[in-house]
Amino acid sequence: MSTLILALAAGAVIGLALGALGGGGSVLAVPALIYLLGFSPVAATTASLVIVTLTSVTAMVAHARDGNVRWRTGLLFAVAGIGPAMLGGALAGRIPAAVLTAAFAVVAGVAALRMLRSRPAVEGTVTVRPVRVAAAGGGLGAVTGVLGVGGGFLAVPALVSVLGLRMRNAVGTSLLVITVNSLAALAMRAGTVEGLDWAVVGPFVAAAILGAWDGKRLSVKVSGHTLQRIFALVLLAVAVFMLIDAVL
């Protein structure tokens, strides 16, 4: 019973993050699955992709209704990451657990610091360059595949800084990018999905989907910049904890 309660609580928090911030679900899901629910790092990254894919679709629908998803921009960004995501997904199982955890912590920490230092962008002030878009999309796809994260915690700042989207549009569009990249990574991990503990993953997903709708409502009431800073602080704390655990 305690495991079920933990799964429901963690799922609700992760769904809230995805709905409100357009990211953060998987970067919080992986440590929750490892430290709270006893998953191995490889199983946690696979389960995270399943959870975040289903939750992202739900949150994306809610944001799309308000016109916050830039479909063309998101698809172009996501297409660049499909190949790297599939390659990363194939290589993930060969990486030692400690290395996978440490890499996850470093990437999360860097993203958190960048978000804390960034300033709100004004749409149209950034010159969009195809090479930069392809590089950002490809790098995001690789991170998604290897670390089992949807990449929203990297996609949102990339969409703001590289493409010049406003925060609310970046949040909605990142959910499209997360869905595409996560599906590509899952395609290379199909053999490991069957071995997941669905008695835990199922309730986790259900709670996350419900949380995503609440997160969407929260994003309307709180400014995008405030949400970004709150998320960055939480992300930084998680990164520090995981890095210490991996090193020690």
C-alpha atoms as a PDB file:
ATOM      1  CA  MET A   1       0.000   0.000   0.000  1.00  0.00           C
ATOM      2  CA  SER A   2       2.841   2.398   0.812  1.00  0.00           C
ATOM      3  CA  THR A   3       4.355   1.820  -2.643  1.00  0.00           C
ATOM      4  CA  LEU A   4       1.028   2.653  -4.287  1.00  0.00           C
ATOM      5  CA  ILE A   5       0.714   5.869  -2.267  1.00  0.00           C
ATOM      6  CA  LEU A   6       4.252   6.905  -3.199  1.00  0.00           C
ATOM      7  CA  ALA A   7       3.562   6.188  -6.867  1.00  0.00           C
ATOM      8  CA  LEU A   8       0.375   8.265  -6.796  1.00  0.00           C
ATOM      9  CA  ALA A   9       2.028  11.167  -4.963  1.00  0.00           C
ATOM     10  CA  ALA A  10       5.084  11.219  -7.248  1.00  0.00           C
ATOM     11  CA  GLY A  11       2.892  10.962 -10.336  1.00  0.00           C
ATOM     12  CA  ALA A  12       0.754  13.900  -9.230  1.00  0.00           C
ATOM     13  CA  VAL A  13       3.818  16.124  -8.694  1.00  0.00           C
ATOM     14  CA  ILE A  14       5.356  15.161 -12.031  1.00  0.00           C
ATOM     15  CA  GLY A  15       2.110  15.748 -13.897  1.00  0.00           C
ATOM     16  CA  LEU A  16       1.822  19.148 -12.227  1.00  0.00           C
ATOM     17  CA  ALA A  17       5.320  20.044 -13.448  1.00  0.00           C
ATOM     18  CA  LEU A  18       4.607  18.939 -17.005  1.00  0.00           C
ATOM     19  CA  GLY A  19       1.288  20.750 -17.183  1.00  0.00           C
ATOM     20  CA  ALA A  20       2.569  24.004 -15.701  1.00  0.00           C
ATOM     21  CA  LEU A  21       6.106  24.114 -17.052  1.00  0.00           C
ATOM     22  CA  GLY A  22       6.104  21.985 -20.200  1.00  0.00           C
ATOM     23  CA  GLY A  23       8.943  19.975 -18.722  1.00  0.00           C
ATOM     24  CA  GLY A  24      10.397  18.615 -15.552  1.00  0.00           C
ATOM     25  CA  GLY A  25       8.288  15.472 -15.523  1.00  0.00           C
ATOM     26  CA  SER A  26      10.967  12.998 -16.437  1.00  0.00           C
ATOM     27  CA  VAL A  27      13.774  14.789 -14.647  1.00  0.00           C
ATOM     28  CA  LEU A  28      11.754  14.327 -11.474  1.00  0.00           C
ATOM     29  CA  ALA A  29      10.321  10.931 -12.468  1.00  0.00           C
ATOM     30  CA  VAL A  30      13.682   9.200 -12.774  1.00  0.00           C
ATOM     31  CA  PRO A  31      14.913   9.993  -9.235  1.00  0.00           C
ATOM     32  CA  ALA A  32      11.429   9.241  -7.839  1.00  0.00           C
ATOM     33  CA  LEU A  33      11.403   5.831  -9.500  1.00  0.00           C
ATOM     34  CA  ILE A  34      14.934   5.049  -8.301  1.00  0.00           C
ATOM     35  CA  TYR A  35      14.924   6.400  -4.750  1.00  0.00           C
ATOM     36  CA  LEU A  36      11.259   6.073  -3.773  1.00  0.00           C
ATOM     37  CA  LEU A  37      10.076   3.034  -5.730  1.00  0.00           C
ATOM     38  CA  GLY A  38      13.221   0.935  -6.005  1.00  0.00           C
ATOM     39  CA  PHE A  39      13.667   0.830  -9.797  1.00  0.00           C
ATOM     40  CA  SER A  40      17.104   0.296 -11.313  1.00  0.00           C
ATOM     41  CA  PRO A  41      18.467   3.275 -13.308  1.00  0.00           C
ATOM     42  CA  VAL A  42      17.828   1.555 -16.655  1.00  0.00           C
ATOM     43  CA  ALA A  43      14.290   0.477 -15.694  1.00  0.00           C
ATOM     44  CA  ALA A  44      13.605   3.940 -14.269  1.00  0.00           C
ATOM     45  CA  THR A  45      14.612   5.686 -17.492  1.00  0.00           C
ATOM     46  CA  THR A  46      12.402   3.356 -19.554  1.00  0.00           C
ATOM     47  CA  ALA A  47       9.430   3.749 -17.193  1.00  0.00           C
ATOM     48  CA  SER A  48       9.983   7.503 -17.222  1.00  0.00           C
ATOM     49  CA  LEU A  49       9.642   7.603 -20.994  1.00  0.00           C
ATOM     50  CA  VAL A  50       6.327   5.739 -20.807  1.00  0.00           C
ATOM     51  CA  ILE A  51       5.025   8.031 -18.053  1.00  0.00           C
ATOM     52  CA  VAL A  52       6.142  11.253 -19.682  1.00  0.00           C
ATOM     53  CA  THR A  53       4.920  10.313 -23.166  1.00  0.00           C
ATOM     54  CA  LEU A  54       1.371   9.638 -21.982  1.00  0.00           C
ATOM     55  CA  THR A  55       1.303  12.634 -19.659  1.00  0.00           C
ATOM     56  CA  SER A  56       2.767  14.990 -22.253  1.00  0.00           C
ATOM     57  CA  VAL A  57       0.069  14.119 -24.779  1.00  0.00           C
ATOM     58  CA  THR A  58      -2.598  14.965 -22.199  1.00  0.00           C
ATOM     59  CA  ALA A  59      -0.952  18.259 -21.236  1.00  0.00           C
ATOM     60  CA  MET A  60      -0.320  19.150 -24.887  1.00  0.00           C
ATOM     61  CA  VAL A  61      -4.036  18.827 -25.706  1.00  0.00           C
ATOM     62  CA  ALA A  62      -4.880  21.239 -22.888  1.00  0.00           C
ATOM     63  CA  HIS A  63      -2.310  23.806 -24.069  1.00  0.00           C
ATOM     64  CA  ALA A  64      -3.308  23.389 -27.714  1.00  0.00           C
ATOM     65  CA  ARG A  65      -6.869  24.401 -26.870  1.00  0.00           C
ATOM     66  CA  ASP A  66      -5.509  27.765 -25.709  1.00  0.00           C
ATOM     67  CA  GLY A  67      -3.380  28.168 -28.830  1.00  0.00           C
ATOM     68  CA  ASN A  68      -0.054  27.787 -27.005  1.00  0.00           C
ATOM     69  CA  VAL A  69       1.377  25.033 -29.243  1.00  0.00           C
ATOM     70  CA  ARG A  70       3.411  26.208 -32.243  1.00  0.00           C
ATOM     71  CA  TRP A  71       2.958  23.068 -34.329  1.00  0.00           C
ATOM     72  CA  ARG A  72       5.296  23.811 -37.229  1.00  0.00           C
ATOM     73  CA  THR A  73       8.099  25.078 -35.000  1.00  0.00           C
ATOM     74  CA  GLY A  74       7.736  22.163 -32.600  1.00  0.00           C
ATOM     75  CA  LEU A  75       7.731  19.522 -35.330  1.00  0.00           C
ATOM     76  CA  LEU A  76      10.811  20.984 -37.024  1.00  0.00           C
ATOM     77  CA  PHE A  77      12.613  21.066 -33.685  1.00  0.00           C
ATOM     78  CA  ALA A  78      11.521  17.522 -32.836  1.00  0.00           C
ATOM     79  CA  VAL A  79      12.383  15.970 -36.221  1.00  0.00           C
ATOM     80  CA  ALA A  80      16.036  16.940 -35.730  1.00  0.00           C
ATOM     81  CA  GLY A  81      16.067  14.903 -32.529  1.00  0.00           C
ATOM     82  CA  ILE A  82      14.429  11.661 -33.714  1.00  0.00           C
ATOM     83  CA  GLY A  83      17.648  10.019 -34.996  1.00  0.00           C
ATOM     84  CA  PRO A  84      19.767  10.951 -31.946  1.00  0.00           C
ATOM     85  CA  ALA A  85      16.931   9.871 -29.622  1.00  0.00           C
ATOM     86  CA  MET A  86      16.759   6.417 -31.223  1.00  0.00           C
ATOM     87  CA  LEU A  87      20.537   6.034 -31.153  1.00  0.00           C
ATOM     88  CA  GLY A  88      20.703   7.132 -27.527  1.00  0.00           C
ATOM     89  CA  GLY A  89      17.912   4.736 -26.606  1.00  0.00           C
ATOM     90  CA  ALA A  90      19.862   1.848 -28.120  1.00  0.00           C
ATOM     91  CA  LEU A  91      23.047   2.773 -26.229  1.00  0.00           C
ATOM     92  CA  ALA A  92      21.473   3.473 -22.832  1.00  0.00           C
ATOM     93  CA  GLY A  93      21.435  -0.154 -21.710  1.00  0.00           C
ATOM     94  CA  ARG A  94      25.211  -0.409 -22.154  1.00  0.00           C
ATOM     95  CA  ILE A  95      26.058   2.493 -19.868  1.00  0.00           C
ATOM     96  CA  PRO A  96      26.947   1.679 -16.206  1.00  0.00           C
ATOM     97  CA  ALA A  97      24.255   2.713 -13.720  1.00  0.00           C
ATOM     98  CA  ALA A  98      26.543   5.072 -11.779  1.00  0.00           C
ATOM     99  CA  VAL A  99      27.630   6.833 -14.971  1.00  0.00           C
ATOM    100  CA  LEU A 100      24.014   7.145 -16.119  1.00  0.00           C
ATOM    101  CA  THR A 101      22.992   8.686 -12.775  1.00  0.00           C
ATOM    102  CA  ALA A 102      25.932  11.098 -12.721  1.00  0.00           C
ATOM    103  CA  ALA A 103      25.328  12.188 -16.320  1.00  0.00           C
ATOM    104  CA  PHE A 104      21.673  12.761 -15.550  1.00  0.00           C
ATOM    105  CA  ALA A 105      22.583  14.910 -12.527  1.00  0.00           C
ATOM    106  CA  VAL A 106      25.089  17.019 -14.471  1.00  0.00           C
ATOM    107  CA  VAL A 107      22.693  17.718 -17.353  1.00  0.00           C
ATOM    108  CA  ALA A 108      19.883  18.602 -14.938  1.00  0.00           C
ATOM    109  CA  GLY A 109      22.163  20.906 -12.936  1.00  0.00           C
ATOM    110  CA  VAL A 110      23.398  22.761 -16.009  1.00  0.00           C
ATOM    111  CA  ALA A 111      19.832  23.242 -17.245  1.00  0.00           C
ATOM    112  CA  ALA A 112      18.729  24.546 -13.836  1.00  0.00           C
ATOM    113  CA  LEU A 113      21.555  27.077 -13.643  1.00  0.00           C
ATOM    114  CA  ARG A 114      20.863  28.285 -17.158  1.00  0.00           C
ATOM    115  CA  MET A 115      17.185  28.784 -16.371  1.00  0.00           C
ATOM    116  CA  LEU A 116      18.011  30.710 -13.194  1.00  0.00           C
ATOM    117  CA  ARG A 117      20.319  33.050 -15.111  1.00  0.00           C
ATOM    118  CA  SER A 118      18.039  33.607 -18.101  1.00  0.00           C
ATOM    119  CA  ARG A 119      15.762  36.590 -18.517  1.00  0.00           C
ATOM    120  CA  PRO A 120      12.268  36.559 -19.992  1.00  0.00           C
ATOM    121  CA  ALA A 121      12.487  36.629 -23.772  1.00  0.00           C
ATOM    122  CA  VAL A 122      10.407  38.809 -26.037  1.00  0.00           C
ATOM    123  CA  GLU A 123       8.990  36.968 -29.030  1.00  0.00           C
ATOM    124  CA  GLY A 124      10.603  37.963 -32.284  1.00  0.00           C
ATOM    125  CA  THR A 125      13.851  39.322 -30.774  1.00  0.00           C
ATOM    126  CA  VAL A 126      15.836  36.162 -31.553  1.00  0.00           C
ATOM    127  CA  THR A 127      17.055  35.451 -35.081  1.00  0.00           C
ATOM    128  CA  VAL A 128      16.108  31.864 -35.905  1.00  0.00           C
ATOM    129  CA  ARG A 129      18.921  30.007 -37.684  1.00  0.00           C
ATOM    130  CA  PRO A 130      18.198  26.530 -39.129  1.00  0.00           C
ATOM    131  CA  VAL A 131      21.628  25.245 -38.076  1.00  0.00           C
ATOM    132  CA  ARG A 132      21.057  26.302 -34.462  1.00  0.00           C
ATOM    133  CA  VAL A 133      17.580  24.768 -34.472  1.00  0.00           C
ATOM    134  CA  ALA A 134      18.920  21.471 -35.855  1.00  0.00           C
ATOM    135  CA  ALA A 135      21.790  21.412 -33.362  1.00  0.00           C
ATOM    136  CA  ALA A 136      19.493  22.150 -30.417  1.00  0.00           C
ATOM    137  CA  GLY A 137      16.920  19.594 -31.552  1.00  0.00           C
ATOM    138  CA  GLY A 138      19.566  16.922 -32.163  1.00  0.00           C
ATOM    139  CA  GLY A 139      21.217  17.482 -28.808  1.00  0.00           C
ATOM    140  CA  LEU A 140      17.871  17.312 -27.052  1.00  0.00           C
ATOM    141  CA  GLY A 141      17.032  14.060 -28.832  1.00  0.00           C
ATOM    142  CA  ALA A 142      20.311  12.484 -27.757  1.00  0.00           C
ATOM    143  CA  VAL A 143      19.710  13.444 -24.126  1.00  0.00           C
ATOM    144  CA  THR A 144      16.186  12.015 -24.334  1.00  0.00           C
ATOM    145  CA  GLY A 145      17.410   8.705 -25.686  1.00  0.00           C
ATOM    146  CA  VAL A 146      20.333   8.152 -23.309  1.00  0.00           C
ATOM    147  CA  LEU A 147      18.911   9.530 -20.066  1.00  0.00           C
ATOM    148  CA  GLY A 148      15.282   8.526 -20.558  1.00  0.00           C
ATOM    149  CA  VAL A 149      13.986  12.065 -20.133  1.00  0.00           C
ATOM    150  CA  GLY A 150      11.440  13.806 -22.311  1.00  0.00           C
ATOM    151  CA  GLY A 151      13.752  16.781 -22.418  1.00  0.00           C
ATOM    152  CA  GLY A 152      11.278  19.482 -21.505  1.00  0.00           C
ATOM    153  CA  PHE A 153      13.634  20.944 -18.924  1.00  0.00           C
ATOM    154  CA  LEU A 154      16.033  21.545 -21.836  1.00  0.00           C
ATOM    155  CA  ALA A 155      13.435  22.133 -24.561  1.00  0.00           C
ATOM    156  CA  VAL A 156      11.749  25.076 -22.847  1.00  0.00           C
ATOM    157  CA  PRO A 157      14.921  27.192 -22.441  1.00  0.00           C
ATOM    158  CA  ALA A 158      16.028  26.162 -25.947  1.00  0.00           C
ATOM    159  CA  LEU A 159      12.716  27.208 -27.489  1.00  0.00           C
ATOM    160  CA  VAL A 160      12.932  30.524 -25.644  1.00  0.00           C
ATOM    161  CA  SER A 161      16.586  31.309 -26.369  1.00  0.00           C
ATOM    162  CA  VAL A 162      17.028  29.707 -29.810  1.00  0.00           C
ATOM    163  CA  LEU A 163      13.601  30.353 -31.328  1.00  0.00           C
ATOM    164  CA  GLY A 164      12.497  33.382 -29.329  1.00  0.00           C
ATOM    165  CA  LEU A 165       9.170  31.964 -28.175  1.00  0.00           C
ATOM    166  CA  ARG A 166       7.363  33.469 -25.213  1.00  0.00           C
ATOM    167  CA  MET A 167       7.376  31.293 -22.107  1.00  0.00           C
ATOM    168  CA  ARG A 168       3.764  30.131 -22.442  1.00  0.00           C
ATOM    169  CA  ASN A 169       4.244  29.199 -26.101  1.00  0.00           C
ATOM    170  CA  ALA A 170       7.523  27.455 -25.282  1.00  0.00           C
ATOM    171  CA  VAL A 171       5.766  25.430 -22.576  1.00  0.00           C
ATOM    172  CA  GLY A 172       3.030  24.249 -24.938  1.00  0.00           C
ATOM    173  CA  THR A 173       5.389  23.582 -27.853  1.00  0.00           C
ATOM    174  CA  SER A 174       7.867  21.699 -25.683  1.00  0.00           C
ATOM    175  CA  LEU A 175       5.164  19.138 -24.918  1.00  0.00           C
ATOM    176  CA  LEU A 176       4.984  18.329 -28.627  1.00  0.00           C
ATOM    177  CA  VAL A 177       8.768  17.977 -28.769  1.00  0.00           C
ATOM    178  CA  ILE A 178       8.750  15.762 -25.656  1.00  0.00           C
ATOM    179  CA  THR A 179       6.107  13.459 -27.134  1.00  0.00           C
ATOM    180  CA  VAL A 180       7.955  12.944 -30.429  1.00  0.00           C
ATOM    181  CA  ASN A 181      11.379  12.412 -28.823  1.00  0.00           C
ATOM    182  CA  SER A 182      10.040  10.087 -26.134  1.00  0.00           C
ATOM    183  CA  LEU A 183       8.238   7.912 -28.680  1.00  0.00           C
ATOM    184  CA  ALA A 184      11.446   7.666 -30.747  1.00  0.00           C
ATOM    185  CA  ALA A 185      13.480   6.643 -27.697  1.00  0.00           C
ATOM    186  CA  LEU A 186      10.832   4.131 -26.597  1.00  0.00           C
ATOM    187  CA  ALA A 187      10.932   2.508 -30.035  1.00  0.00           C
ATOM    188  CA  MET A 188      14.525   1.455 -29.286  1.00  0.00           C
ATOM    189  CA  ARG A 189      13.602   0.213 -25.798  1.00  0.00           C
ATOM    190  CA  ALA A 190      10.559  -1.834 -26.750  1.00  0.00           C
ATOM    191  CA  GLY A 191      12.097  -5.005 -25.347  1.00  0.00           C
ATOM    192  CA  THR A 192      12.462  -3.541 -21.862  1.00  0.00           C
ATOM    193  CA  VAL A 193       8.933  -2.129 -21.550  1.00  0.00           C
ATOM    194  CA  GLU A 194       7.367  -5.546 -20.909  1.00  0.00           C
ATOM    195  CA  GLY A 195       9.548  -6.087 -17.856  1.00  0.00           C
ATOM    196  CA  LEU A 196       8.307  -2.972 -16.050  1.00  0.00           C
ATOM    197  CA  ASP A 197       6.292  -3.231 -12.846  1.00  0.00           C
ATOM    198  CA  TRP A 198       2.946  -2.056 -14.213  1.00  0.00           C
ATOM    199  CA  ALA A 199       1.318  -2.245 -10.790  1.00  0.00           C
ATOM    200  CA  VAL A 200       3.473   0.788  -9.972  1.00  0.00           C
ATOM    201  CA  VAL A 201       3.775   2.432 -13.391  1.00  0.00           C
ATOM    202  CA  GLY A 202       0.007   2.333 -14.062  1.00  0.00           C
ATOM    203  CA  PRO A 203      -1.073   4.351 -10.984  1.00  0.00           C
ATOM    204  CA  PHE A 204       1.934   6.636 -11.529  1.00  0.00           C
ATOM    205  CA  VAL A 205       0.712   7.454 -15.048  1.00  0.00           C
ATOM    206  CA  ALA A 206      -2.899   7.962 -13.936  1.00  0.00           C
ATOM    207  CA  ALA A 207      -1.890  10.407 -11.193  1.00  0.00           C
ATOM    208  CA  ALA A 208       0.461  12.238 -13.559  1.00  0.00           C
ATOM    209  CA  ILE A 209      -2.271  12.727 -16.173  1.00  0.00           C
ATOM    210  CA  LEU A 210      -4.636  14.190 -13.581  1.00  0.00           C
ATOM    211  CA  GLY A 211      -1.824  16.393 -12.252  1.00  0.00           C
ATOM    212  CA  ALA A 212      -1.099  17.693 -15.746  1.00  0.00           C
ATOM    213  CA  TRP A 213      -4.572  19.235 -15.988  1.00  0.00           C
ATOM    214  CA  ASP A 214      -4.074  20.981 -12.656  1.00  0.00           C
ATOM    215  CA  GLY A 215      -0.675  22.168 -13.842  1.00  0.00           C
ATOM    216  CA  LYS A 216      -2.212  23.679 -16.948  1.00  0.00           C
ATOM    217  CA  ARG A 217      -4.623  25.694 -14.781  1.00  0.00           C
ATOM    218  CA  LEU A 218      -1.724  26.787 -12.564  1.00  0.00           C
ATOM    219  CA  SER A 219       0.222  28.073 -15.581  1.00  0.00           C
ATOM    220  CA  VAL A 220      -2.596  30.530 -16.306  1.00  0.00           C
ATOM    221  CA  LYS A 221      -2.576  31.987 -12.790  1.00  0.00           C
ATOM    222  CA  VAL A 222       1.192  32.302 -12.242  1.00  0.00           C
ATOM    223  CA  SER A 223       3.660  34.153 -14.504  1.00  0.00           C
ATOM    224  CA  GLY A 224       5.867  32.065 -16.746  1.00  0.00           C
ATOM    225  CA  HIS A 225       9.063  33.592 -15.326  1.00  0.00           C
ATOM    226  CA  THR A 226       8.047  32.752 -11.765  1.00  0.00           C
ATOM    227  CA  LEU A 227       7.214  29.167 -12.728  1.00  0.00           C
ATOM    228  CA  GLN A 228      10.556  28.864 -14.482  1.00  0.00           C
ATOM    229  CA  ARG A 229      12.517  29.988 -11.422  1.00  0.00           C
ATOM    230  CA  ILE A 230      10.601  27.688  -9.065  1.00  0.00           C
ATOM    231  CA  PHE A 231      11.193  24.741 -11.369  1.00  0.00           C
ATOM    232  CA  ALA A 232      14.886  25.594 -11.753  1.00  0.00           C
ATOM    233  CA  LEU A 233      15.416  25.627  -7.978  1.00  0.00           C
ATOM    234  CA  VAL A 234      13.709  22.244  -7.567  1.00  0.00           C
ATOM    235  CA  LEU A 235      15.694  20.843 -10.480  1.00  0.00           C
ATOM    236  CA  LEU A 236      18.983  22.096  -9.028  1.00  0.00           C
ATOM    237  CA  ALA A 237      18.257  20.469  -5.657  1.00  0.00           C
ATOM    238  CA  VAL A 238      17.483  17.134  -7.331  1.00  0.00           C
ATOM    239  CA  ALA A 239      20.638  17.354  -9.448  1.00  0.00           C
ATOM    240  CA  VAL A 240      22.878  17.985  -6.424  1.00  0.00           C
ATOM    241  CA  PHE A 241      21.341  15.064  -4.527  1.00  0.00           C
ATOM    242  CA  MET A 242      21.767  12.646  -7.447  1.00  0.00           C
ATOM    243  CA  LEU A 243      25.332  13.726  -8.148  1.00  0.00           C
ATOM    244  CA  ILE A 244      26.328  13.212  -4.505  1.00  0.00           C
ATOM    245  CA  ASP A 245      24.671   9.792  -4.529  1.00  0.00           C
ATOM    246  CA  ALA A 246      26.444   8.775  -7.753  1.00  0.00           C
ATOM    247  CA  VAL A 247      29.867   9.903  -6.543  1.00  0.00           C
ATOM    248  CA  LEU A 248      29.568   8.436  -3.047  1.00  0.00           C
END
